[in-house]
Amino acid sequence: MLKIKKYDLDNHNKFIITTEEGSFSIAYGGTLDLFWEYIPTESLQDLPEKKTFTITKENYDFFQSIDELYNIIKNKTPLKEKDDDEFYQFVKDLGLEIRPSKKDNDNAWTNLFHDNMIEWVSDSKIDKDSCKLQIQPEEETYKITFYKGMMDIFPSYTVRFSGSGSKNNPYEIPFMNMYNKLDSIEKNQTYHQMHIEEYLYQQKTYQKTKKGA
């Protein structure tokens, strides 16, 4: 069963998402950057080259947040026009970043979306040493895969989404919007009302298990 737990840090929240396959975190850093990270349980010498999580409809709120993120990027709609204007004015006021051109948007999308999947190379390092995150749809599920990279001299699974100067600008924004929704998803776990999609998924899973028995 997928579970989300929130940890209150200094000026932001850190969310730990746990499935049967392990755990990964989504959190803001002190630099207004967002980070996704696989939390390994393996010893340093046994760290895998990649780690995959399967996101099903058993927690439909979280599944839906991944589905929305995926489709926003697939359809090249990182921001609504009103939000776009407000965001770039806010960024401009901070002196951090300028509005990207349509050509820059298209180049970012081409680098980010291919083979029917999102592939985000961390903003932290040069590409050949960077950690990498893939999000790919399968039948009624999403596969989230972390690829090992290097942080300084140590192996890492930390994928950075820069709040200013991302090479995929403006496609970091849907990831940050998704982070903002995690708080309500985490709260809903306490008083959870099953969505019809969760019920249908459970019924399909039960029927498959029954047939295989």
N, C-alpha and C. Protein backbone atom coordinates (compact mmCIF):
# COMPACT_ATOMS: atom_id res chain seq x y z
N MET A 1 0.84 -1.20 0.00
CA MET A 1 0.00 0.00 0.00
C MET A 1 0.88 1.24 0.00
N LEU A 2 0.60 2.16 -0.90
CA LEU A 2 1.38 3.39 -0.97
C LEU A 2 0.98 4.32 0.18
N LYS A 3 2.00 4.83 0.87
CA LYS A 3 1.79 5.75 1.98
C LYS A 3 2.64 7.00 1.79
N ILE A 4 2.11 8.13 2.21
CA ILE A 4 2.84 9.39 2.17
C ILE A 4 2.92 9.94 3.58
N LYS A 5 4.13 10.31 3.99
CA LYS A 5 4.31 10.90 5.33
C LYS A 5 5.05 12.22 5.19
N LYS A 6 4.56 13.23 5.88
CA LYS A 6 5.13 14.57 5.81
C LYS A 6 6.03 14.83 7.02
N TYR A 7 7.18 15.44 6.76
CA TYR A 7 8.10 15.86 7.81
C TYR A 7 8.29 17.36 7.70
N ASP A 8 8.08 18.07 8.80
CA ASP A 8 8.25 19.52 8.81
C ASP A 8 9.71 19.86 9.01
N LEU A 9 10.29 20.54 8.02
CA LEU A 9 11.66 21.02 8.11
C LEU A 9 11.64 22.52 8.39
N ASP A 10 12.74 23.20 8.25
CA ASP A 10 12.82 24.61 8.65
C ASP A 10 11.76 25.47 8.00
N ASN A 11 11.81 25.57 6.68
CA ASN A 11 10.88 26.45 5.98
C ASN A 11 10.07 25.73 4.91
N HIS A 12 10.03 24.42 4.98
CA HIS A 12 9.34 23.66 3.96
C HIS A 12 9.02 22.28 4.49
N ASN A 13 8.36 21.47 3.68
CA ASN A 13 8.01 20.10 4.05
C ASN A 13 8.76 19.10 3.20
N LYS A 14 9.02 17.96 3.79
CA LYS A 14 9.60 16.84 3.06
C LYS A 14 8.60 15.70 3.10
N PHE A 15 8.31 15.13 1.95
CA PHE A 15 7.36 14.03 1.85
C PHE A 15 8.10 12.74 1.51
N ILE A 16 7.83 11.70 2.28
CA ILE A 16 8.38 10.37 2.02
C ILE A 16 7.26 9.50 1.45
N ILE A 17 7.47 9.01 0.25
CA ILE A 17 6.49 8.14 -0.40
C ILE A 17 7.01 6.71 -0.30
N THR A 18 6.22 5.85 0.34
CA THR A 18 6.66 4.46 0.57
C THR A 18 5.72 3.49 -0.13
N THR A 19 6.31 2.58 -0.88
CA THR A 19 5.57 1.51 -1.54
C THR A 19 6.19 0.18 -1.12
N GLU A 20 5.68 -0.91 -1.65
CA GLU A 20 6.26 -2.22 -1.36
C GLU A 20 7.69 -2.33 -1.89
N GLU A 21 8.06 -1.45 -2.83
CA GLU A 21 9.39 -1.52 -3.45
C GLU A 21 10.42 -0.66 -2.73
N GLY A 22 9.99 0.12 -1.75
CA GLY A 22 10.91 0.99 -1.04
C GLY A 22 10.34 2.39 -0.89
N SER A 23 11.23 3.36 -0.69
CA SER A 23 10.79 4.73 -0.43
C SER A 23 11.59 5.74 -1.26
N PHE A 24 10.91 6.83 -1.59
CA PHE A 24 11.61 7.97 -2.17
C PHE A 24 11.02 9.24 -1.59
N SER A 25 11.76 10.33 -1.68
CA SER A 25 11.34 11.58 -1.07
C SER A 25 11.16 12.67 -2.12
N ILE A 26 10.29 13.63 -1.79
CA ILE A 26 10.10 14.84 -2.59
C ILE A 26 10.15 16.01 -1.62
N ALA A 27 11.09 16.94 -1.84
CA ALA A 27 11.28 18.03 -0.87
C ALA A 27 11.89 19.24 -1.53
N TYR A 28 11.65 20.40 -0.92
CA TYR A 28 12.33 21.62 -1.32
C TYR A 28 13.63 21.74 -0.54
N GLY A 29 14.65 22.29 -1.20
CA GLY A 29 15.89 22.62 -0.51
C GLY A 29 15.88 24.08 -0.10
N GLY A 30 16.95 24.52 0.52
CA GLY A 30 17.03 25.89 0.97
C GLY A 30 17.28 26.89 -0.14
N THR A 31 17.42 26.41 -1.37
CA THR A 31 17.73 27.28 -2.51
C THR A 31 16.52 27.47 -3.43
N LEU A 32 15.32 27.15 -2.95
CA LEU A 32 14.10 27.19 -3.75
C LEU A 32 14.12 26.15 -4.86
N ASP A 33 14.96 25.15 -4.71
CA ASP A 33 15.01 24.04 -5.67
C ASP A 33 14.23 22.85 -5.10
N LEU A 34 13.67 22.07 -6.02
CA LEU A 34 12.93 20.87 -5.64
C LEU A 34 13.82 19.66 -5.87
N PHE A 35 13.69 18.65 -4.99
CA PHE A 35 14.50 17.44 -5.10
C PHE A 35 13.62 16.20 -4.97
N TRP A 36 13.80 15.26 -5.90
CA TRP A 36 13.26 13.91 -5.78
C TRP A 36 14.46 12.99 -5.53
N GLU A 37 14.28 12.02 -4.63
CA GLU A 37 15.43 11.18 -4.28
C GLU A 37 14.99 9.79 -3.84
N TYR A 38 15.56 8.78 -4.44
CA TYR A 38 15.39 7.41 -3.94
C TYR A 38 16.17 7.28 -2.65
N ILE A 39 15.55 6.66 -1.64
CA ILE A 39 16.18 6.45 -0.33
C ILE A 39 16.66 5.01 -0.27
N PRO A 40 17.94 4.77 -0.53
CA PRO A 40 18.41 3.38 -0.62
C PRO A 40 18.50 2.70 0.74
N THR A 41 18.26 1.40 0.72
CA THR A 41 18.48 0.56 1.91
C THR A 41 19.68 -0.35 1.70
N GLU A 42 20.20 -0.37 0.46
CA GLU A 42 21.35 -1.21 0.15
C GLU A 42 22.64 -0.60 0.71
N SER A 43 23.64 -1.44 0.90
CA SER A 43 24.95 -0.95 1.30
C SER A 43 25.59 -0.20 0.13
N LEU A 44 26.60 0.60 0.41
CA LEU A 44 27.22 1.44 -0.62
C LEU A 44 27.72 0.62 -1.80
N GLN A 45 28.31 -0.52 -1.55
CA GLN A 45 28.86 -1.33 -2.64
C GLN A 45 27.79 -2.07 -3.42
N ASP A 46 26.56 -2.14 -2.88
CA ASP A 46 25.49 -2.87 -3.55
C ASP A 46 24.43 -1.96 -4.16
N LEU A 47 24.71 -0.67 -4.25
CA LEU A 47 23.72 0.25 -4.80
C LEU A 47 23.41 -0.11 -6.25
N PRO A 48 22.12 -0.24 -6.60
CA PRO A 48 21.77 -0.59 -7.98
C PRO A 48 21.95 0.60 -8.92
N GLU A 49 22.09 0.33 -10.19
CA GLU A 49 22.21 1.41 -11.18
C GLU A 49 20.89 2.17 -11.32
N LYS A 50 19.78 1.48 -11.05
CA LYS A 50 18.49 2.15 -11.10
C LYS A 50 17.53 1.50 -10.11
N LYS A 51 16.51 2.26 -9.73
CA LYS A 51 15.48 1.77 -8.81
C LYS A 51 14.13 2.21 -9.33
N THR A 52 13.20 1.26 -9.50
CA THR A 52 11.90 1.55 -10.07
C THR A 52 10.78 1.35 -9.06
N PHE A 53 9.85 2.29 -9.07
CA PHE A 53 8.64 2.23 -8.25
C PHE A 53 7.42 2.15 -9.16
N THR A 54 6.46 1.31 -8.78
CA THR A 54 5.22 1.19 -9.54
C THR A 54 4.12 1.93 -8.81
N ILE A 55 3.54 2.93 -9.47
CA ILE A 55 2.47 3.72 -8.87
C ILE A 55 1.15 3.24 -9.46
N THR A 56 0.32 2.66 -8.62
CA THR A 56 -0.96 2.12 -9.05
C THR A 56 -2.09 3.03 -8.55
N LYS A 57 -3.31 2.60 -8.83
CA LYS A 57 -4.48 3.37 -8.41
C LYS A 57 -4.93 3.03 -6.99
N GLU A 58 -4.12 2.27 -6.27
CA GLU A 58 -4.50 1.95 -4.89
C GLU A 58 -4.53 3.20 -4.02
N ASN A 59 -3.72 4.20 -4.36
CA ASN A 59 -3.84 5.54 -3.77
C ASN A 59 -4.13 6.46 -4.94
N TYR A 60 -5.41 6.66 -5.21
CA TYR A 60 -5.77 7.32 -6.47
C TYR A 60 -5.36 8.79 -6.47
N ASP A 61 -5.38 9.45 -5.33
CA ASP A 61 -4.98 10.85 -5.28
C ASP A 61 -3.54 11.03 -5.76
N PHE A 62 -2.66 10.16 -5.29
CA PHE A 62 -1.26 10.27 -5.70
C PHE A 62 -1.10 9.83 -7.16
N PHE A 63 -1.77 8.76 -7.53
CA PHE A 63 -1.74 8.33 -8.94
C PHE A 63 -2.19 9.46 -9.85
N GLN A 64 -3.26 10.14 -9.46
CA GLN A 64 -3.80 11.22 -10.27
C GLN A 64 -2.82 12.39 -10.37
N SER A 65 -2.08 12.65 -9.28
CA SER A 65 -1.10 13.74 -9.32
C SER A 65 0.03 13.42 -10.30
N ILE A 66 0.44 12.16 -10.37
CA ILE A 66 1.46 11.74 -11.34
C ILE A 66 0.89 11.78 -12.76
N ASP A 67 -0.35 11.33 -12.90
CA ASP A 67 -1.01 11.34 -14.20
C ASP A 67 -1.15 12.76 -14.73
N GLU A 68 -1.54 13.68 -13.86
CA GLU A 68 -1.68 15.07 -14.27
C GLU A 68 -0.33 15.66 -14.66
N LEU A 69 0.69 15.40 -13.86
CA LEU A 69 2.04 15.87 -14.17
C LEU A 69 2.49 15.35 -15.53
N TYR A 70 2.30 14.07 -15.75
CA TYR A 70 2.71 13.46 -17.02
C TYR A 70 2.01 14.11 -18.21
N ASN A 71 0.71 14.29 -18.11
CA ASN A 71 -0.04 14.82 -19.25
C ASN A 71 0.22 16.30 -19.49
N ILE A 72 0.48 17.05 -18.44
CA ILE A 72 0.85 18.46 -18.62
C ILE A 72 2.12 18.56 -19.46
N ILE A 73 3.10 17.73 -19.13
CA ILE A 73 4.37 17.79 -19.87
C ILE A 73 4.21 17.20 -21.26
N LYS A 74 3.50 16.09 -21.37
CA LYS A 74 3.27 15.48 -22.68
C LYS A 74 2.60 16.46 -23.64
N ASN A 75 1.64 17.23 -23.11
CA ASN A 75 0.86 18.14 -23.95
C ASN A 75 1.46 19.54 -24.04
N LYS A 76 2.67 19.73 -23.50
CA LYS A 76 3.38 21.01 -23.60
C LYS A 76 2.59 22.16 -22.98
N THR A 77 1.97 21.92 -21.82
CA THR A 77 1.19 22.96 -21.16
C THR A 77 1.70 23.14 -19.72
N PRO A 78 2.94 23.56 -19.54
CA PRO A 78 3.50 23.65 -18.19
C PRO A 78 2.80 24.64 -17.27
N LEU A 79 2.20 25.69 -17.86
CA LEU A 79 1.49 26.69 -17.06
C LEU A 79 0.32 27.24 -17.84
N LYS A 80 -0.74 27.57 -17.10
CA LYS A 80 -1.82 28.33 -17.71
C LYS A 80 -1.33 29.75 -17.96
N GLU A 81 -1.96 30.42 -18.90
CA GLU A 81 -1.49 31.75 -19.28
C GLU A 81 -1.44 32.70 -18.10
N LYS A 82 -2.48 32.71 -17.25
CA LYS A 82 -2.52 33.62 -16.11
C LYS A 82 -1.42 33.27 -15.12
N ASP A 83 -1.29 31.98 -14.82
CA ASP A 83 -0.24 31.54 -13.90
C ASP A 83 1.13 31.84 -14.46
N ASP A 84 1.26 31.68 -15.77
CA ASP A 84 2.52 31.94 -16.44
C ASP A 84 2.95 33.38 -16.22
N ASP A 85 2.03 34.33 -16.45
CA ASP A 85 2.35 35.74 -16.27
C ASP A 85 2.72 36.05 -14.83
N GLU A 86 1.95 35.52 -13.89
CA GLU A 86 2.21 35.78 -12.48
C GLU A 86 3.54 35.19 -12.04
N PHE A 87 3.83 33.97 -12.50
CA PHE A 87 5.07 33.32 -12.09
C PHE A 87 6.29 34.08 -12.60
N TYR A 88 6.27 34.41 -13.88
CA TYR A 88 7.45 35.06 -14.44
C TYR A 88 7.64 36.48 -13.93
N GLN A 89 6.54 37.13 -13.53
CA GLN A 89 6.69 38.43 -12.90
C GLN A 89 7.35 38.27 -11.53
N PHE A 90 6.92 37.23 -10.80
CA PHE A 90 7.50 36.94 -9.48
C PHE A 90 9.00 36.64 -9.61
N VAL A 91 9.35 35.81 -10.59
CA VAL A 91 10.75 35.45 -10.81
C VAL A 91 11.55 36.67 -11.24
N LYS A 92 10.96 37.47 -12.12
CA LYS A 92 11.65 38.67 -12.60
C LYS A 92 11.92 39.64 -11.45
N ASP A 93 10.95 39.77 -10.53
CA ASP A 93 11.12 40.65 -9.38
C ASP A 93 12.27 40.20 -8.49
N LEU A 94 12.50 38.87 -8.46
CA LEU A 94 13.62 38.33 -7.69
C LEU A 94 14.95 38.45 -8.42
N GLY A 95 14.87 38.77 -9.72
CA GLY A 95 16.09 38.89 -10.52
C GLY A 95 16.73 37.56 -10.84
N LEU A 96 15.91 36.50 -10.89
CA LEU A 96 16.47 35.15 -11.04
C LEU A 96 16.44 34.62 -12.47
N GLU A 97 15.39 34.93 -13.22
CA GLU A 97 15.24 34.26 -14.51
C GLU A 97 14.34 35.09 -15.40
N ILE A 98 14.52 34.99 -16.71
CA ILE A 98 13.66 35.66 -17.66
C ILE A 98 12.74 34.65 -18.31
N ARG A 99 11.69 35.15 -18.91
CA ARG A 99 10.74 34.28 -19.59
C ARG A 99 11.40 33.59 -20.79
N PRO A 100 11.32 32.28 -20.91
CA PRO A 100 11.94 31.61 -22.05
C PRO A 100 11.16 31.87 -23.33
N SER A 101 11.86 31.82 -24.44
CA SER A 101 11.21 31.99 -25.74
C SER A 101 10.50 30.69 -26.13
N LYS A 102 9.64 30.78 -27.15
CA LYS A 102 8.96 29.58 -27.62
C LYS A 102 9.97 28.54 -28.09
N LYS A 103 11.04 29.00 -28.74
CA LYS A 103 12.08 28.08 -29.20
C LYS A 103 12.72 27.37 -28.02
N ASP A 104 13.01 28.12 -26.93
CA ASP A 104 13.58 27.51 -25.73
C ASP A 104 12.61 26.50 -25.14
N ASN A 105 11.31 26.83 -25.11
CA ASN A 105 10.30 25.90 -24.61
C ASN A 105 10.30 24.61 -25.41
N ASP A 106 10.34 24.74 -26.73
CA ASP A 106 10.32 23.56 -27.60
C ASP A 106 11.58 22.72 -27.43
N ASN A 107 12.72 23.37 -27.29
CA ASN A 107 13.97 22.64 -27.08
C ASN A 107 13.95 21.90 -25.74
N ALA A 108 13.43 22.57 -24.72
CA ALA A 108 13.35 21.94 -23.39
C ALA A 108 12.44 20.72 -23.45
N TRP A 109 11.30 20.85 -24.13
CA TRP A 109 10.36 19.73 -24.22
C TRP A 109 10.97 18.56 -24.97
N THR A 110 11.68 18.85 -26.06
CA THR A 110 12.32 17.78 -26.84
C THR A 110 13.34 17.02 -26.01
N ASN A 111 14.08 17.73 -25.16
CA ASN A 111 15.06 17.08 -24.29
C ASN A 111 14.38 16.27 -23.18
N LEU A 112 13.21 16.73 -22.77
CA LEU A 112 12.55 16.18 -21.59
C LEU A 112 11.61 15.01 -21.90
N PHE A 113 10.94 15.06 -23.03
CA PHE A 113 9.90 14.06 -23.32
C PHE A 113 10.25 13.30 -24.60
N HIS A 114 10.40 12.01 -24.47
CA HIS A 114 10.68 11.15 -25.64
C HIS A 114 10.29 9.72 -25.31
N ASP A 115 10.05 8.93 -26.34
CA ASP A 115 9.68 7.52 -26.17
C ASP A 115 8.50 7.36 -25.21
N ASN A 116 7.58 8.32 -25.27
CA ASN A 116 6.36 8.30 -24.45
C ASN A 116 6.65 8.38 -22.95
N MET A 117 7.78 8.97 -22.59
CA MET A 117 8.09 9.10 -21.16
C MET A 117 8.78 10.44 -20.88
N ILE A 118 8.69 10.84 -19.61
CA ILE A 118 9.44 11.99 -19.11
C ILE A 118 10.80 11.50 -18.66
N GLU A 119 11.85 12.19 -19.04
CA GLU A 119 13.19 11.87 -18.56
C GLU A 119 13.86 13.17 -18.11
N TRP A 120 13.95 13.34 -16.81
CA TRP A 120 14.53 14.55 -16.25
C TRP A 120 15.95 14.26 -15.76
N VAL A 121 16.92 14.89 -16.41
CA VAL A 121 18.31 14.80 -15.96
C VAL A 121 18.54 15.91 -14.93
N SER A 122 19.07 15.55 -13.79
CA SER A 122 19.22 16.50 -12.68
C SER A 122 19.92 17.78 -13.11
N ASP A 123 19.45 18.89 -12.57
CA ASP A 123 20.09 20.18 -12.82
C ASP A 123 21.39 20.35 -12.04
N SER A 124 21.78 19.36 -11.27
CA SER A 124 22.92 19.53 -10.36
C SER A 124 24.28 19.42 -11.04
N LYS A 125 24.40 18.55 -12.04
CA LYS A 125 25.72 18.23 -12.59
C LYS A 125 25.69 18.26 -14.11
N ILE A 126 26.86 18.11 -14.72
CA ILE A 126 26.87 17.91 -16.16
C ILE A 126 26.20 16.56 -16.45
N ASP A 127 25.58 16.46 -17.61
CA ASP A 127 24.68 15.35 -17.87
C ASP A 127 25.29 13.97 -17.67
N LYS A 128 26.55 13.79 -18.03
CA LYS A 128 27.11 12.43 -17.99
C LYS A 128 27.29 11.91 -16.56
N ASP A 129 27.32 12.81 -15.57
CA ASP A 129 27.47 12.39 -14.18
C ASP A 129 26.20 12.58 -13.36
N SER A 130 25.13 13.04 -14.01
CA SER A 130 23.93 13.43 -13.28
C SER A 130 23.04 12.24 -12.95
N CYS A 131 22.31 12.38 -11.84
CA CYS A 131 21.22 11.47 -11.56
C CYS A 131 20.09 11.77 -12.53
N LYS A 132 19.21 10.79 -12.69
CA LYS A 132 18.16 10.92 -13.70
C LYS A 132 16.87 10.30 -13.18
N LEU A 133 15.75 10.91 -13.57
CA LEU A 133 14.43 10.42 -13.18
C LEU A 133 13.61 10.17 -14.44
N GLN A 134 12.96 9.01 -14.50
CA GLN A 134 12.05 8.72 -15.61
C GLN A 134 10.65 8.44 -15.07
N ILE A 135 9.64 8.94 -15.78
CA ILE A 135 8.25 8.66 -15.46
C ILE A 135 7.59 8.15 -16.72
N GLN A 136 7.11 6.91 -16.67
CA GLN A 136 6.59 6.26 -17.88
C GLN A 136 5.27 5.56 -17.56
N PRO A 137 4.25 5.79 -18.40
CA PRO A 137 2.97 5.11 -18.18
C PRO A 137 3.00 3.68 -18.67
N GLU A 138 2.31 2.82 -17.92
CA GLU A 138 2.03 1.47 -18.38
C GLU A 138 0.54 1.24 -18.14
N GLU A 139 0.06 0.05 -18.38
CA GLU A 139 -1.37 -0.21 -18.25
C GLU A 139 -1.83 0.04 -16.81
N GLU A 140 -2.58 1.12 -16.61
CA GLU A 140 -3.15 1.50 -15.31
C GLU A 140 -2.12 1.77 -14.23
N THR A 141 -0.87 1.97 -14.60
CA THR A 141 0.18 2.28 -13.63
C THR A 141 1.15 3.30 -14.22
N TYR A 142 1.98 3.84 -13.36
CA TYR A 142 3.14 4.62 -13.79
C TYR A 142 4.39 4.02 -13.17
N LYS A 143 5.45 3.97 -13.95
CA LYS A 143 6.75 3.54 -13.47
C LYS A 143 7.61 4.77 -13.22
N ILE A 144 8.08 4.92 -11.99
CA ILE A 144 9.00 6.00 -11.63
C ILE A 144 10.36 5.36 -11.37
N THR A 145 11.36 5.75 -12.15
CA THR A 145 12.68 5.12 -12.07
C THR A 145 13.75 6.16 -11.79
N PHE A 146 14.54 5.90 -10.76
CA PHE A 146 15.69 6.74 -10.43
C PHE A 146 16.96 6.05 -10.94
N TYR A 147 17.81 6.82 -11.62
CA TYR A 147 19.10 6.31 -12.10
C TYR A 147 20.23 6.92 -11.27
N LYS A 148 21.13 6.08 -10.87
CA LYS A 148 22.24 6.51 -10.02
C LYS A 148 23.17 7.46 -10.76
N GLY A 149 23.63 8.49 -10.06
CA GLY A 149 24.61 9.42 -10.60
C GLY A 149 25.64 9.73 -9.52
N MET A 150 26.30 10.84 -9.66
CA MET A 150 27.32 11.24 -8.69
C MET A 150 26.98 12.61 -8.12
N MET A 151 27.19 12.76 -6.82
CA MET A 151 27.09 14.04 -6.16
C MET A 151 28.41 14.25 -5.43
N ASP A 152 29.20 15.22 -5.90
CA ASP A 152 30.59 15.36 -5.47
C ASP A 152 31.32 14.06 -5.83
N ILE A 153 31.80 13.32 -4.85
CA ILE A 153 32.51 12.07 -5.16
C ILE A 153 31.69 10.84 -4.76
N PHE A 154 30.44 11.06 -4.37
CA PHE A 154 29.63 9.96 -3.83
C PHE A 154 28.49 9.60 -4.78
N PRO A 155 28.15 8.31 -4.86
CA PRO A 155 26.98 7.92 -5.66
C PRO A 155 25.71 8.47 -5.03
N SER A 156 24.75 8.80 -5.87
CA SER A 156 23.54 9.46 -5.39
C SER A 156 22.37 9.16 -6.31
N TYR A 157 21.16 9.33 -5.76
CA TYR A 157 19.93 9.23 -6.55
C TYR A 157 19.14 10.53 -6.45
N THR A 158 19.81 11.64 -6.14
CA THR A 158 19.15 12.92 -5.92
C THR A 158 18.98 13.67 -7.23
N VAL A 159 17.73 13.92 -7.61
CA VAL A 159 17.40 14.61 -8.85
C VAL A 159 16.91 16.02 -8.51
N ARG A 160 17.59 17.01 -9.03
CA ARG A 160 17.30 18.41 -8.71
C ARG A 160 16.49 19.08 -9.82
N PHE A 161 15.49 19.85 -9.40
CA PHE A 161 14.69 20.68 -10.30
C PHE A 161 14.97 22.13 -9.89
N SER A 162 15.80 22.81 -10.66
CA SER A 162 16.23 24.14 -10.27
C SER A 162 15.09 25.15 -10.41
N GLY A 163 14.90 25.95 -9.36
CA GLY A 163 13.88 26.98 -9.39
C GLY A 163 14.30 28.20 -10.19
N SER A 164 15.58 28.28 -10.52
CA SER A 164 16.07 29.38 -11.35
C SER A 164 17.17 28.84 -12.24
N GLY A 165 16.98 28.95 -13.53
CA GLY A 165 18.01 28.51 -14.46
C GLY A 165 17.98 27.05 -14.82
N SER A 166 16.84 26.39 -14.67
CA SER A 166 16.76 24.99 -15.08
C SER A 166 16.94 24.88 -16.59
N LYS A 167 17.65 23.84 -17.01
CA LYS A 167 17.82 23.63 -18.45
C LYS A 167 16.52 23.23 -19.12
N ASN A 168 15.54 22.81 -18.32
CA ASN A 168 14.24 22.43 -18.86
C ASN A 168 13.17 23.48 -18.59
N ASN A 169 13.57 24.68 -18.23
CA ASN A 169 12.64 25.77 -17.97
C ASN A 169 11.67 25.95 -19.15
N PRO A 170 10.32 26.00 -18.92
CA PRO A 170 9.61 26.16 -17.66
C PRO A 170 9.01 24.87 -17.12
N TYR A 171 9.53 23.72 -17.51
CA TYR A 171 8.89 22.45 -17.16
C TYR A 171 9.20 21.98 -15.74
N GLU A 172 10.00 22.75 -15.01
CA GLU A 172 10.15 22.46 -13.58
C GLU A 172 8.89 22.84 -12.81
N ILE A 173 8.10 23.78 -13.35
CA ILE A 173 6.95 24.30 -12.64
C ILE A 173 5.88 23.25 -12.37
N PRO A 174 5.51 22.37 -13.32
CA PRO A 174 4.53 21.33 -12.99
C PRO A 174 5.00 20.41 -11.85
N PHE A 175 6.30 20.15 -11.75
CA PHE A 175 6.80 19.34 -10.64
C PHE A 175 6.62 20.07 -9.32
N MET A 176 6.85 21.39 -9.33
CA MET A 176 6.69 22.18 -8.10
C MET A 176 5.22 22.30 -7.72
N ASN A 177 4.34 22.42 -8.72
CA ASN A 177 2.91 22.43 -8.42
C ASN A 177 2.45 21.11 -7.84
N MET A 178 3.01 20.02 -8.36
CA MET A 178 2.66 18.70 -7.83
C MET A 178 3.10 18.57 -6.37
N TYR A 179 4.29 19.08 -6.04
CA TYR A 179 4.75 19.09 -4.65
C TYR A 179 3.75 19.80 -3.74
N ASN A 180 3.21 20.91 -4.20
CA ASN A 180 2.27 21.69 -3.40
C ASN A 180 0.99 20.93 -3.11
N LYS A 181 0.64 19.96 -3.96
CA LYS A 181 -0.57 19.17 -3.76
C LYS A 181 -0.37 18.02 -2.77
N LEU A 182 0.89 17.68 -2.50
CA LEU A 182 1.16 16.52 -1.65
C LEU A 182 0.64 16.69 -0.23
N ASP A 183 0.58 17.93 0.24
CA ASP A 183 0.12 18.18 1.60
C ASP A 183 -1.33 17.71 1.77
N SER A 184 -2.19 18.07 0.83
CA SER A 184 -3.60 17.66 0.92
C SER A 184 -3.75 16.16 0.71
N ILE A 185 -2.91 15.57 -0.15
CA ILE A 185 -2.97 14.12 -0.36
C ILE A 185 -2.58 13.39 0.92
N GLU A 186 -1.53 13.88 1.58
CA GLU A 186 -1.08 13.26 2.83
C GLU A 186 -2.15 13.37 3.90
N LYS A 187 -2.82 14.51 3.99
CA LYS A 187 -3.88 14.70 4.99
C LYS A 187 -5.07 13.79 4.71
N ASN A 188 -5.36 13.57 3.44
CA ASN A 188 -6.51 12.74 3.07
C ASN A 188 -6.34 11.28 3.48
N GLN A 189 -5.11 10.86 3.75
CA GLN A 189 -4.88 9.47 4.16
C GLN A 189 -5.54 9.16 5.49
N THR A 190 -5.64 10.17 6.37
CA THR A 190 -6.20 9.96 7.70
C THR A 190 -7.69 9.68 7.64
N TYR A 191 -8.40 10.44 6.81
CA TYR A 191 -9.85 10.27 6.65
C TYR A 191 -10.12 9.97 5.19
N HIS A 192 -9.70 8.79 4.79
CA HIS A 192 -9.70 8.47 3.36
C HIS A 192 -11.06 7.97 2.90
N GLN A 193 -11.57 8.60 1.84
CA GLN A 193 -12.77 8.13 1.19
C GLN A 193 -12.38 7.52 -0.15
N MET A 194 -12.69 6.25 -0.32
CA MET A 194 -12.23 5.54 -1.50
C MET A 194 -12.82 6.12 -2.78
N HIS A 195 -11.95 6.37 -3.75
CA HIS A 195 -12.37 6.82 -5.06
C HIS A 195 -12.84 5.62 -5.86
N ILE A 196 -13.78 5.83 -6.79
CA ILE A 196 -14.30 4.73 -7.60
C ILE A 196 -13.17 4.04 -8.37
N GLU A 197 -12.15 4.81 -8.81
CA GLU A 197 -11.03 4.21 -9.53
C GLU A 197 -10.24 3.26 -8.63
N GLU A 198 -10.11 3.61 -7.35
CA GLU A 198 -9.43 2.71 -6.41
C GLU A 198 -10.22 1.41 -6.25
N TYR A 199 -11.54 1.55 -6.12
CA TYR A 199 -12.39 0.38 -5.96
C TYR A 199 -12.28 -0.54 -7.18
N LEU A 200 -12.36 0.05 -8.38
CA LEU A 200 -12.27 -0.76 -9.60
C LEU A 200 -10.91 -1.43 -9.72
N TYR A 201 -9.85 -0.70 -9.32
CA TYR A 201 -8.51 -1.28 -9.36
C TYR A 201 -8.41 -2.47 -8.40
N GLN A 202 -8.95 -2.32 -7.20
CA GLN A 202 -8.92 -3.41 -6.23
C GLN A 202 -9.69 -4.63 -6.73
N GLN A 203 -10.83 -4.38 -7.38
CA GLN A 203 -11.62 -5.49 -7.92
C GLN A 203 -10.87 -6.23 -9.02
N LYS A 204 -10.21 -5.48 -9.89
CA LYS A 204 -9.42 -6.11 -10.97
C LYS A 204 -8.27 -6.92 -10.38
N THR A 205 -7.61 -6.35 -9.38
CA THR A 205 -6.50 -7.04 -8.74
C THR A 205 -6.98 -8.32 -8.07
N TYR A 206 -8.14 -8.24 -7.41
CA TYR A 206 -8.70 -9.42 -6.73
C TYR A 206 -9.04 -10.51 -7.75
N GLN A 207 -9.63 -10.11 -8.87
CA GLN A 207 -10.02 -11.10 -9.89
C GLN A 207 -8.78 -11.78 -10.49
N LYS A 208 -7.72 -11.00 -10.72
CA LYS A 208 -6.48 -11.59 -11.25
C LYS A 208 -5.88 -12.56 -10.25
N THR A 209 -5.89 -12.17 -8.97
CA THR A 209 -5.36 -13.05 -7.92
C THR A 209 -6.19 -14.33 -7.81
N LYS A 210 -7.50 -14.18 -7.91
CA LYS A 210 -8.40 -15.33 -7.82
C LYS A 210 -8.17 -16.30 -8.97
N LYS A 211 -7.97 -15.77 -10.18
CA LYS A 211 -7.73 -16.63 -11.33
C LYS A 211 -6.40 -17.36 -11.23
N GLY A 212 -5.41 -16.69 -10.60
CA GLY A 212 -4.09 -17.29 -10.50
C GLY A 212 -3.97 -18.28 -9.36
N ALA A 213 -4.99 -18.33 -8.49
CA ALA A 213 -4.94 -19.22 -7.32
C ALA A 213 -5.12 -20.67 -7.73
